[in-house]
Amino acid sequence: MIIIHAVFHIHAERQQAFLEEIQPLIAASRAEGGNVSYDLLQDTEQDHVFRMVEIWQDEQAVASHNSSDHFTGFVAKASRFLTAPLEVKAYQAEALKA
């Protein structure tokens, strides 16, 4: 599995527009083959900071997602919402056996 954390620092006055613009990305990403989960979380300690937590079955699913129209379309618009560069970290993971 691949786990990706993307941190968005959003302009306060553009937060509502950001939340509206990102909803189609979330819905379409969740419907992709190879997606395990795709969740936008709001930071409880920092105002106007959000984290997208994505879990994908494999690198092929991530590559497909990164070239999708919904992803590239959102990325093209993302800079107008950000106060800092997007922070993205990816991790290789495997499920632990209980």
N, C-alpha and C. Protein backbone atom coordinates (compact mmCIF):
# COMPACT_ATOMS: atom_id res chain seq x y z
N MET A 1 0.83 -1.18 0.00
CA MET A 1 0.00 0.00 0.00
C MET A 1 0.88 1.25 0.00
N ILE A 2 0.34 2.29 -0.59
CA ILE A 2 1.00 3.59 -0.61
C ILE A 2 0.11 4.55 0.19
N ILE A 3 0.71 5.25 1.13
CA ILE A 3 -0.01 6.25 1.91
C ILE A 3 0.60 7.61 1.58
N ILE A 4 -0.27 8.55 1.25
CA ILE A 4 0.18 9.90 0.89
C ILE A 4 -0.49 10.90 1.82
N HIS A 5 0.30 11.83 2.34
CA HIS A 5 -0.20 12.95 3.13
C HIS A 5 0.14 14.22 2.36
N ALA A 6 -0.88 15.00 2.04
CA ALA A 6 -0.68 16.29 1.37
C ALA A 6 -1.25 17.36 2.28
N VAL A 7 -0.41 18.34 2.66
CA VAL A 7 -0.83 19.38 3.59
C VAL A 7 -1.05 20.68 2.82
N PHE A 8 -2.24 21.25 3.00
CA PHE A 8 -2.65 22.49 2.35
C PHE A 8 -2.74 23.59 3.39
N HIS A 9 -2.00 24.68 3.20
CA HIS A 9 -2.13 25.89 4.02
C HIS A 9 -2.95 26.86 3.17
N ILE A 10 -4.15 27.18 3.62
CA ILE A 10 -5.13 27.88 2.80
C ILE A 10 -5.30 29.34 3.24
N HIS A 11 -5.44 30.24 2.27
CA HIS A 11 -5.81 31.64 2.56
C HIS A 11 -7.13 31.63 3.31
N ALA A 12 -7.21 32.36 4.40
CA ALA A 12 -8.44 32.40 5.21
C ALA A 12 -9.65 32.80 4.37
N GLU A 13 -9.50 33.82 3.54
CA GLU A 13 -10.63 34.31 2.77
C GLU A 13 -11.00 33.40 1.59
N ARG A 14 -10.15 32.41 1.30
CA ARG A 14 -10.43 31.49 0.19
C ARG A 14 -10.77 30.08 0.66
N GLN A 15 -10.89 29.91 1.97
CA GLN A 15 -11.12 28.56 2.52
C GLN A 15 -12.43 27.95 2.00
N GLN A 16 -13.51 28.68 1.98
CA GLN A 16 -14.77 28.12 1.52
C GLN A 16 -14.69 27.72 0.05
N ALA A 17 -14.07 28.55 -0.77
CA ALA A 17 -13.90 28.22 -2.19
C ALA A 17 -13.04 26.97 -2.35
N PHE A 18 -11.98 26.86 -1.54
CA PHE A 18 -11.14 25.67 -1.56
C PHE A 18 -11.96 24.42 -1.25
N LEU A 19 -12.76 24.50 -0.19
CA LEU A 19 -13.56 23.34 0.22
C LEU A 19 -14.57 22.95 -0.87
N GLU A 20 -15.10 23.92 -1.57
CA GLU A 20 -16.02 23.62 -2.67
C GLU A 20 -15.29 23.02 -3.87
N GLU A 21 -14.14 23.56 -4.20
CA GLU A 21 -13.36 23.09 -5.37
C GLU A 21 -12.81 21.68 -5.16
N ILE A 22 -12.50 21.32 -3.92
CA ILE A 22 -11.85 20.03 -3.68
C ILE A 22 -12.84 18.87 -3.60
N GLN A 23 -14.13 19.16 -3.42
CA GLN A 23 -15.11 18.08 -3.30
C GLN A 23 -15.18 17.17 -4.53
N PRO A 24 -15.21 17.70 -5.75
CA PRO A 24 -15.21 16.79 -6.92
C PRO A 24 -13.95 15.92 -6.99
N LEU A 25 -12.81 16.47 -6.60
CA LEU A 25 -11.57 15.68 -6.56
C LEU A 25 -11.72 14.52 -5.59
N ILE A 26 -12.24 14.79 -4.41
CA ILE A 26 -12.41 13.73 -3.40
C ILE A 26 -13.34 12.65 -3.92
N ALA A 27 -14.50 13.04 -4.44
CA ALA A 27 -15.47 12.06 -4.92
C ALA A 27 -14.91 11.20 -6.06
N ALA A 28 -14.27 11.84 -7.03
CA ALA A 28 -13.72 11.10 -8.18
C ALA A 28 -12.56 10.21 -7.76
N SER A 29 -11.74 10.67 -6.83
CA SER A 29 -10.60 9.88 -6.38
C SER A 29 -11.06 8.64 -5.62
N ARG A 30 -12.08 8.79 -4.80
CA ARG A 30 -12.62 7.64 -4.07
C ARG A 30 -13.18 6.58 -5.01
N ALA A 31 -13.64 6.99 -6.18
CA ALA A 31 -14.23 6.06 -7.14
C ALA A 31 -13.18 5.36 -8.02
N GLU A 32 -11.94 5.78 -7.93
CA GLU A 32 -10.88 5.19 -8.76
C GLU A 32 -10.55 3.78 -8.33
N GLY A 33 -10.22 2.94 -9.31
CA GLY A 33 -9.70 1.62 -9.00
C GLY A 33 -8.37 1.76 -8.27
N GLY A 34 -8.16 0.97 -7.26
CA GLY A 34 -6.92 1.03 -6.51
C GLY A 34 -6.94 1.99 -5.34
N ASN A 35 -8.03 2.75 -5.19
CA ASN A 35 -8.13 3.65 -4.04
C ASN A 35 -8.71 2.90 -2.85
N VAL A 36 -8.04 3.01 -1.72
CA VAL A 36 -8.52 2.41 -0.47
C VAL A 36 -9.27 3.46 0.33
N SER A 37 -8.70 4.66 0.43
CA SER A 37 -9.40 5.77 1.08
C SER A 37 -8.77 7.09 0.62
N TYR A 38 -9.57 8.16 0.77
CA TYR A 38 -9.15 9.49 0.32
C TYR A 38 -9.92 10.48 1.18
N ASP A 39 -9.27 11.01 2.21
CA ASP A 39 -9.96 11.82 3.20
C ASP A 39 -9.27 13.16 3.42
N LEU A 40 -10.07 14.23 3.44
CA LEU A 40 -9.58 15.55 3.76
C LEU A 40 -9.89 15.83 5.22
N LEU A 41 -8.86 16.16 5.98
CA LEU A 41 -8.99 16.40 7.42
C LEU A 41 -8.57 17.83 7.73
N GLN A 42 -9.30 18.48 8.60
CA GLN A 42 -8.95 19.84 9.01
C GLN A 42 -8.11 19.77 10.28
N ASP A 43 -7.00 20.50 10.29
CA ASP A 43 -6.13 20.54 11.46
C ASP A 43 -6.87 21.19 12.62
N THR A 44 -6.77 20.59 13.79
CA THR A 44 -7.46 21.13 14.96
C THR A 44 -6.60 22.11 15.74
N GLU A 45 -5.33 22.23 15.39
CA GLU A 45 -4.42 23.13 16.11
C GLU A 45 -3.99 24.34 15.29
N GLN A 46 -4.11 24.25 13.96
CA GLN A 46 -3.70 25.34 13.08
C GLN A 46 -4.87 25.75 12.21
N ASP A 47 -5.21 27.02 12.23
CA ASP A 47 -6.30 27.52 11.41
C ASP A 47 -5.94 27.43 9.93
N HIS A 48 -6.91 27.08 9.12
CA HIS A 48 -6.79 27.09 7.66
C HIS A 48 -5.75 26.10 7.14
N VAL A 49 -5.54 25.02 7.87
CA VAL A 49 -4.63 23.96 7.43
C VAL A 49 -5.44 22.67 7.30
N PHE A 50 -5.26 22.00 6.15
CA PHE A 50 -5.96 20.76 5.85
C PHE A 50 -4.94 19.72 5.42
N ARG A 51 -5.26 18.46 5.67
CA ARG A 51 -4.40 17.34 5.27
C ARG A 51 -5.24 16.33 4.50
N MET A 52 -4.78 16.02 3.29
CA MET A 52 -5.40 14.95 2.52
C MET A 52 -4.63 13.68 2.86
N VAL A 53 -5.34 12.67 3.33
CA VAL A 53 -4.72 11.38 3.64
C VAL A 53 -5.27 10.39 2.62
N GLU A 54 -4.37 9.89 1.80
CA GLU A 54 -4.74 8.99 0.71
C GLU A 54 -4.11 7.62 0.96
N ILE A 55 -4.86 6.58 0.68
CA ILE A 55 -4.31 5.23 0.73
C ILE A 55 -4.63 4.56 -0.60
N TRP A 56 -3.59 4.06 -1.25
CA TRP A 56 -3.70 3.43 -2.56
C TRP A 56 -3.16 2.00 -2.49
N GLN A 57 -3.70 1.13 -3.33
CA GLN A 57 -3.26 -0.27 -3.31
C GLN A 57 -1.81 -0.44 -3.75
N ASP A 58 -1.38 0.37 -4.73
CA ASP A 58 -0.02 0.20 -5.25
C ASP A 58 0.40 1.45 -6.03
N GLU A 59 1.65 1.43 -6.49
CA GLU A 59 2.19 2.57 -7.23
C GLU A 59 1.47 2.81 -8.55
N GLN A 60 0.99 1.76 -9.17
CA GLN A 60 0.25 1.91 -10.42
C GLN A 60 -1.04 2.71 -10.19
N ALA A 61 -1.72 2.46 -9.07
CA ALA A 61 -2.93 3.21 -8.75
C ALA A 61 -2.60 4.69 -8.52
N VAL A 62 -1.48 4.96 -7.86
CA VAL A 62 -1.06 6.36 -7.63
C VAL A 62 -0.75 7.03 -8.96
N ALA A 63 -0.03 6.34 -9.83
CA ALA A 63 0.32 6.91 -11.13
C ALA A 63 -0.93 7.22 -11.95
N SER A 64 -1.88 6.32 -11.92
CA SER A 64 -3.14 6.53 -12.64
C SER A 64 -3.88 7.74 -12.07
N HIS A 65 -3.93 7.83 -10.75
CA HIS A 65 -4.57 8.97 -10.09
C HIS A 65 -3.88 10.28 -10.47
N ASN A 66 -2.56 10.29 -10.42
CA ASN A 66 -1.80 11.53 -10.70
C ASN A 66 -1.96 12.01 -12.13
N SER A 67 -2.37 11.14 -13.03
CA SER A 67 -2.58 11.56 -14.42
C SER A 67 -4.06 11.74 -14.76
N SER A 68 -4.94 11.55 -13.79
CA SER A 68 -6.38 11.67 -14.04
C SER A 68 -6.77 13.13 -14.27
N ASP A 69 -7.85 13.33 -15.00
CA ASP A 69 -8.34 14.68 -15.28
C ASP A 69 -8.75 15.41 -14.01
N HIS A 70 -9.39 14.71 -13.08
CA HIS A 70 -9.84 15.39 -11.85
C HIS A 70 -8.65 15.82 -11.00
N PHE A 71 -7.58 15.04 -10.98
CA PHE A 71 -6.40 15.42 -10.19
C PHE A 71 -5.64 16.57 -10.87
N THR A 72 -5.34 16.43 -12.15
CA THR A 72 -4.58 17.47 -12.84
C THR A 72 -5.37 18.78 -12.91
N GLY A 73 -6.68 18.67 -13.04
CA GLY A 73 -7.52 19.87 -13.04
C GLY A 73 -7.47 20.61 -11.72
N PHE A 74 -7.52 19.85 -10.61
CA PHE A 74 -7.45 20.50 -9.31
C PHE A 74 -6.07 21.10 -9.07
N VAL A 75 -5.03 20.36 -9.41
CA VAL A 75 -3.66 20.85 -9.22
C VAL A 75 -3.45 22.17 -9.96
N ALA A 76 -4.04 22.30 -11.14
CA ALA A 76 -3.90 23.53 -11.91
C ALA A 76 -4.51 24.73 -11.20
N LYS A 77 -5.51 24.49 -10.35
CA LYS A 77 -6.20 25.57 -9.62
C LYS A 77 -5.67 25.77 -8.21
N ALA A 78 -4.95 24.81 -7.67
CA ALA A 78 -4.61 24.78 -6.24
C ALA A 78 -3.82 26.00 -5.77
N SER A 79 -2.94 26.52 -6.58
CA SER A 79 -2.05 27.59 -6.12
C SER A 79 -2.82 28.84 -5.69
N ARG A 80 -3.99 29.06 -6.25
CA ARG A 80 -4.75 30.27 -5.88
C ARG A 80 -5.31 30.20 -4.46
N PHE A 81 -5.32 29.02 -3.86
CA PHE A 81 -5.83 28.85 -2.50
C PHE A 81 -4.72 28.82 -1.45
N LEU A 82 -3.50 28.54 -1.86
CA LEU A 82 -2.40 28.25 -0.93
C LEU A 82 -1.64 29.48 -0.45
N THR A 83 -1.26 29.44 0.84
CA THR A 83 -0.38 30.47 1.39
C THR A 83 1.06 29.98 1.49
N ALA A 84 1.27 28.69 1.26
CA ALA A 84 2.60 28.07 1.31
C ALA A 84 2.61 26.93 0.31
N PRO A 85 3.78 26.50 -0.11
CA PRO A 85 3.84 25.37 -1.04
C PRO A 85 3.17 24.13 -0.44
N LEU A 86 2.53 23.37 -1.29
CA LEU A 86 1.91 22.11 -0.88
C LEU A 86 2.99 21.18 -0.34
N GLU A 87 2.73 20.58 0.80
CA GLU A 87 3.67 19.62 1.40
C GLU A 87 3.14 18.22 1.13
N VAL A 88 3.90 17.40 0.41
CA VAL A 88 3.46 16.05 0.09
C VAL A 88 4.51 15.05 0.55
N LYS A 89 4.04 14.04 1.29
CA LYS A 89 4.91 12.95 1.72
C LYS A 89 4.23 11.64 1.37
N ALA A 90 5.00 10.69 0.83
CA ALA A 90 4.46 9.39 0.47
C ALA A 90 5.21 8.30 1.24
N TYR A 91 4.46 7.28 1.62
CA TYR A 91 5.00 6.19 2.43
C TYR A 91 4.60 4.86 1.83
N GLN A 92 5.50 3.91 1.87
CA GLN A 92 5.21 2.53 1.50
C GLN A 92 4.80 1.82 2.78
N ALA A 93 3.68 1.10 2.77
CA ALA A 93 3.20 0.47 3.99
C ALA A 93 2.65 -0.91 3.69
N GLU A 94 2.56 -1.68 4.73
CA GLU A 94 1.87 -2.98 4.62
C GLU A 94 1.05 -3.16 5.89
N ALA A 95 -0.07 -3.83 5.75
CA ALA A 95 -0.96 -4.04 6.88
C ALA A 95 -0.30 -4.98 7.90
N LEU A 96 -0.43 -4.65 9.16
CA LEU A 96 0.08 -5.51 10.22
C LEU A 96 -0.91 -6.62 10.50
N LYS A 97 -0.41 -7.78 10.78
CA LYS A 97 -1.29 -8.91 11.12
C LYS A 97 -1.55 -8.89 12.62
N ALA A 98 -2.79 -9.04 12.97
CA ALA A 98 -3.16 -8.98 14.38
C ALA A 98 -2.73 -10.22 15.13
